[in-house]
N, C-alpha and C. Protein backbone atom coordinates (compact mmCIF):
# COMPACT_ATOMS: atom_id res chain seq x y z
N UNK A 1 21.37 9.32 0.52
CA UNK A 1 20.58 9.00 0.90
C UNK A 1 19.54 8.21 0.10
N UNK A 2 18.89 7.14 0.11
CA UNK A 2 18.18 6.39 -0.11
C UNK A 2 16.62 6.41 0.08
N UNK A 3 15.99 7.26 -1.18
CA UNK A 3 14.77 7.53 -0.78
C UNK A 3 13.42 6.77 -1.14
N UNK A 4 12.63 5.96 -0.91
CA UNK A 4 12.19 5.01 -1.03
C UNK A 4 10.68 5.04 -2.25
N UNK A 5 10.83 7.00 -2.68
CA UNK A 5 9.93 7.45 -3.25
C UNK A 5 10.49 8.21 -4.35
N UNK A 6 9.89 8.34 -5.37
CA UNK A 6 10.41 9.04 -6.61
C UNK A 6 11.00 10.87 -6.51
N UNK A 7 11.78 11.10 -5.83
CA UNK A 7 12.52 12.80 -5.59
C UNK A 7 11.36 13.43 -6.21
N UNK A 8 10.95 13.71 -7.17
CA UNK A 8 10.15 13.89 -7.82
C UNK A 8 8.98 14.84 -7.97
N UNK A 9 8.65 13.92 -6.59
CA UNK A 9 7.38 14.33 -6.54
C UNK A 9 7.16 15.22 -5.53
N UNK A 10 8.37 15.91 -4.58
CA UNK A 10 8.23 17.10 -3.53
C UNK A 10 9.20 17.63 -4.56
N UNK A 11 9.27 18.76 -5.24
CA UNK A 11 9.17 19.76 -5.75
C UNK A 11 9.85 21.17 -5.22
N UNK A 12 8.90 20.85 -4.25
CA UNK A 12 8.76 22.28 -3.33
C UNK A 12 9.12 22.18 -1.93
N UNK A 13 9.84 20.90 -1.64
CA UNK A 13 11.06 21.15 -0.52
C UNK A 13 12.16 19.66 -1.44
N UNK A 14 12.70 19.71 -0.31
CA UNK A 14 14.04 18.80 -0.33
C UNK A 14 13.46 17.66 0.38
N UNK A 15 14.08 16.56 -0.82
CA UNK A 15 12.83 15.11 -0.26
C UNK A 15 14.24 14.40 0.38
N UNK A 16 14.84 15.04 0.62
CA UNK A 16 15.70 14.09 2.08
C UNK A 16 15.47 14.30 3.49
N UNK A 17 14.73 15.37 3.15
CA UNK A 17 13.94 16.29 4.94
C UNK A 17 12.50 15.64 5.06
N UNK A 18 12.55 14.62 3.75
CA UNK A 18 11.41 13.66 4.25
C UNK A 18 11.55 12.29 5.04
N UNK A 19 10.55 12.54 6.08
CA UNK A 19 10.31 11.00 6.83
C UNK A 19 9.40 10.41 6.91
N UNK A 20 9.11 9.57 5.94
CA UNK A 20 7.79 8.68 5.68
C UNK A 20 6.99 8.61 6.76
N UNK A 21 7.39 8.56 8.41
CA UNK A 21 6.07 8.51 9.31
C UNK A 21 5.81 10.00 9.21
N UNK A 22 6.96 10.46 9.53
CA UNK A 22 6.19 11.65 9.86
C UNK A 22 5.44 12.36 8.86
N UNK A 23 5.85 12.43 8.07
CA UNK A 23 5.28 13.19 6.82
C UNK A 23 4.18 12.34 5.86
N UNK A 24 3.86 11.19 6.75
CA UNK A 24 3.02 10.25 5.95
C UNK A 24 2.02 10.57 5.08
N UNK A 25 0.95 11.50 5.61
CA UNK A 25 -0.28 11.84 5.06
C UNK A 25 0.63 13.44 3.56
N UNK A 26 1.39 13.76 3.65
CA UNK A 26 2.31 14.73 2.73
C UNK A 26 2.31 13.92 1.67
N UNK A 27 3.22 12.59 1.62
CA UNK A 27 3.38 11.77 0.81
C UNK A 27 2.86 11.29 0.40
N UNK A 28 1.47 11.44 1.38
CA UNK A 28 -0.07 9.83 0.36
C UNK A 28 -0.26 11.21 -0.61
N UNK A 29 -0.49 12.11 -0.39
CA UNK A 29 -1.13 13.31 -1.02
C UNK A 29 -0.38 13.11 -2.28
N UNK A 30 1.02 13.50 -2.23
CA UNK A 30 1.48 13.40 -3.48
C UNK A 30 1.12 12.45 -4.59
N UNK A 31 1.57 10.86 -3.72
CA UNK A 31 1.12 9.71 -4.42
C UNK A 31 0.28 10.19 -4.97
N UNK A 32 -0.98 9.91 -4.55
CA UNK A 32 -2.42 9.96 -5.08
C UNK A 32 -2.76 10.47 -5.90
N UNK A 33 -2.01 12.04 -6.05
CA UNK A 33 -2.26 12.50 -6.75
C UNK A 33 -1.21 12.45 -8.30
N UNK A 34 0.08 12.48 -7.97
CA UNK A 34 1.03 12.19 -9.33
C UNK A 34 2.01 10.98 -8.71
N UNK A 35 1.55 9.66 -8.35
CA UNK A 35 2.74 8.90 -8.48
C UNK A 35 2.36 7.49 -9.34
N UNK A 36 3.19 7.13 -9.88
CA UNK A 36 3.58 5.82 -10.80
C UNK A 36 3.01 5.00 -10.12
N UNK A 37 3.65 4.14 -11.07
CA UNK A 37 2.16 2.49 -10.57
C UNK A 37 3.73 1.94 -9.13
N UNK A 38 4.61 2.04 -8.98
CA UNK A 38 5.92 1.38 -8.53
C UNK A 38 5.63 2.91 -7.12
N UNK A 39 5.08 4.31 -7.27
CA UNK A 39 4.79 4.70 -6.42
C UNK A 39 4.37 4.48 -5.40
N UNK A 40 2.99 4.00 -6.15
CA UNK A 40 1.44 3.77 -5.31
C UNK A 40 1.77 2.16 -4.77
N UNK A 41 2.75 1.53 -5.36
CA UNK A 41 3.12 0.48 -5.03
C UNK A 41 3.47 0.25 -3.31
N UNK A 42 4.67 1.07 -3.75
CA UNK A 42 5.13 1.35 -2.27
C UNK A 42 4.29 2.15 -1.38
N UNK A 43 3.56 2.86 -1.71
CA UNK A 43 2.24 3.61 -0.53
C UNK A 43 1.90 2.06 0.30
N UNK A 44 0.89 1.69 -0.88
CA UNK A 44 0.33 0.47 -0.28
C UNK A 44 1.19 -0.89 0.84
N UNK A 45 2.45 -1.17 0.20
CA UNK A 45 3.34 -1.75 0.92
C UNK A 45 3.73 -1.01 2.70
N UNK A 46 3.84 0.54 2.26
CA UNK A 46 4.37 1.40 3.61
C UNK A 46 3.24 1.52 4.79
N UNK A 47 2.21 2.13 4.43
CA UNK A 47 1.18 2.59 4.59
C UNK A 47 -0.16 1.68 5.04
N UNK A 48 -0.79 1.88 6.19
CA UNK A 48 -2.40 0.98 5.86
C UNK A 48 -3.34 1.17 5.28
N UNK A 49 -3.95 0.58 4.75
CA UNK A 49 -5.08 1.20 3.91
C UNK A 49 -5.87 2.13 4.66
N UNK A 50 -6.54 1.80 6.49
CA UNK A 50 -6.97 3.32 7.19
C UNK A 50 -6.25 4.34 6.83
N UNK A 51 -4.78 4.87 6.99
CA UNK A 51 -4.09 6.18 6.46
C UNK A 51 -4.11 6.62 5.94
N UNK A 52 -4.58 5.56 4.76
CA UNK A 52 -4.72 5.71 3.55
C UNK A 52 -6.11 6.38 2.88
N UNK A 53 -6.90 6.12 3.26
CA UNK A 53 -8.29 5.73 3.27
C UNK A 53 -8.46 7.35 4.55
N UNK A 54 -8.03 7.98 5.41
CA UNK A 54 -8.56 8.72 6.65
C UNK A 54 -7.30 10.40 5.72
N UNK A 55 -6.66 9.81 4.54
CA UNK A 55 -5.99 10.97 3.91
C UNK A 55 -7.19 11.00 2.95
N UNK A 56 -7.37 10.19 2.62
CA UNK A 56 -8.54 10.33 1.00
C UNK A 56 -9.66 11.45 1.42
N UNK A 57 -10.20 11.00 2.46
CA UNK A 57 -11.29 11.64 3.08
C UNK A 57 -10.76 13.22 3.34
N UNK A 58 -10.01 13.44 4.02
CA UNK A 58 -10.04 14.77 4.92
C UNK A 58 -8.98 15.27 4.04
N UNK A 59 -8.33 15.26 3.17
CA UNK A 59 -7.23 15.95 2.39
C UNK A 59 -8.20 17.39 1.69
N UNK A 60 -7.53 18.51 1.99
CA UNK A 60 -7.70 19.40 1.41
C UNK A 60 -7.17 20.23 0.19
N UNK A 61 -5.41 19.11 -0.18
CA UNK A 61 -5.08 19.01 -1.20
C UNK A 61 -5.40 18.52 -2.38
N UNK A 62 -6.07 17.29 -1.87
CA UNK A 62 -6.66 16.03 -2.75
C UNK A 62 -6.92 16.86 -3.97
N UNK A 63 -6.68 15.98 -5.34
CA UNK A 63 -7.20 17.22 -6.63
C UNK A 63 -8.83 16.88 -6.93
N UNK A 64 -9.82 17.30 -7.19
CA UNK A 64 -10.77 17.06 -6.88
C UNK A 64 -10.98 15.51 -8.25
N UNK A 65 -10.74 15.41 -9.22
CA UNK A 65 -10.80 14.58 -9.55
C UNK A 65 -9.68 13.36 -9.31
N UNK A 66 -8.73 13.10 -8.51
CA UNK A 66 -8.55 12.26 -7.98
C UNK A 66 -9.04 11.61 -6.89
N UNK A 67 -10.10 12.01 -5.77
CA UNK A 67 -10.46 11.69 -4.68
C UNK A 67 -11.95 10.98 -4.65
N UNK A 68 -12.50 10.56 -6.44
CA UNK A 68 -12.94 9.94 -6.41
C UNK A 68 -13.00 8.63 -7.10
N UNK A 69 -11.61 8.48 -7.53
CA UNK A 69 -11.14 7.52 -8.00
C UNK A 69 -10.49 6.27 -6.57
N UNK A 70 -9.51 7.43 -5.43
CA UNK A 70 -9.66 6.94 -4.54
C UNK A 70 -10.20 6.42 -3.65
N UNK A 71 -11.31 6.90 -3.46
CA UNK A 71 -12.43 6.48 -2.65
C UNK A 71 -12.98 5.35 -2.94
N UNK A 72 -13.38 5.37 -4.78
CA UNK A 72 -13.66 3.57 -5.29
C UNK A 72 -12.30 2.60 -4.07
N UNK A 73 -10.81 2.71 -4.37
CA UNK A 73 -10.03 2.09 -4.84
C UNK A 73 -9.61 1.71 -3.08
N UNK A 74 -10.33 2.72 -2.06
CA UNK A 74 -10.19 2.37 -0.82
C UNK A 74 -11.25 1.97 0.28
N UNK A 75 -11.74 1.43 -0.91
CA UNK A 75 -13.66 1.02 -0.25
C UNK A 75 -14.15 1.96 0.48
N UNK A 76 -13.65 3.51 0.10
CA UNK A 76 -14.28 4.36 1.34
C UNK A 76 -15.35 5.13 -0.15
N UNK A 77 -16.81 4.43 -0.42
CA UNK A 77 -17.17 5.11 -1.16
C UNK A 77 -18.88 5.59 -0.87
N UNK A 78 -18.99 6.87 -0.19
CA UNK A 78 -20.47 7.07 0.20
C UNK A 78 -20.79 8.24 -1.40
């Protein structure tokens, strides 16, 4: 089965069991913290900016050094 994101981003689960819609928050968090350029490009094409911005603002697991960058990149600078 083809997965549009790198399977090694999801070392703690079976990547084949991940649904891009159902597990959007989980996928976005992993890509924001550990994703490569192709992963990030896929994320921007797959999810609305509003969805990504919401994950950045509300995530409890996003690395504290990652959040400021993504707040800027999603135009959510507060």
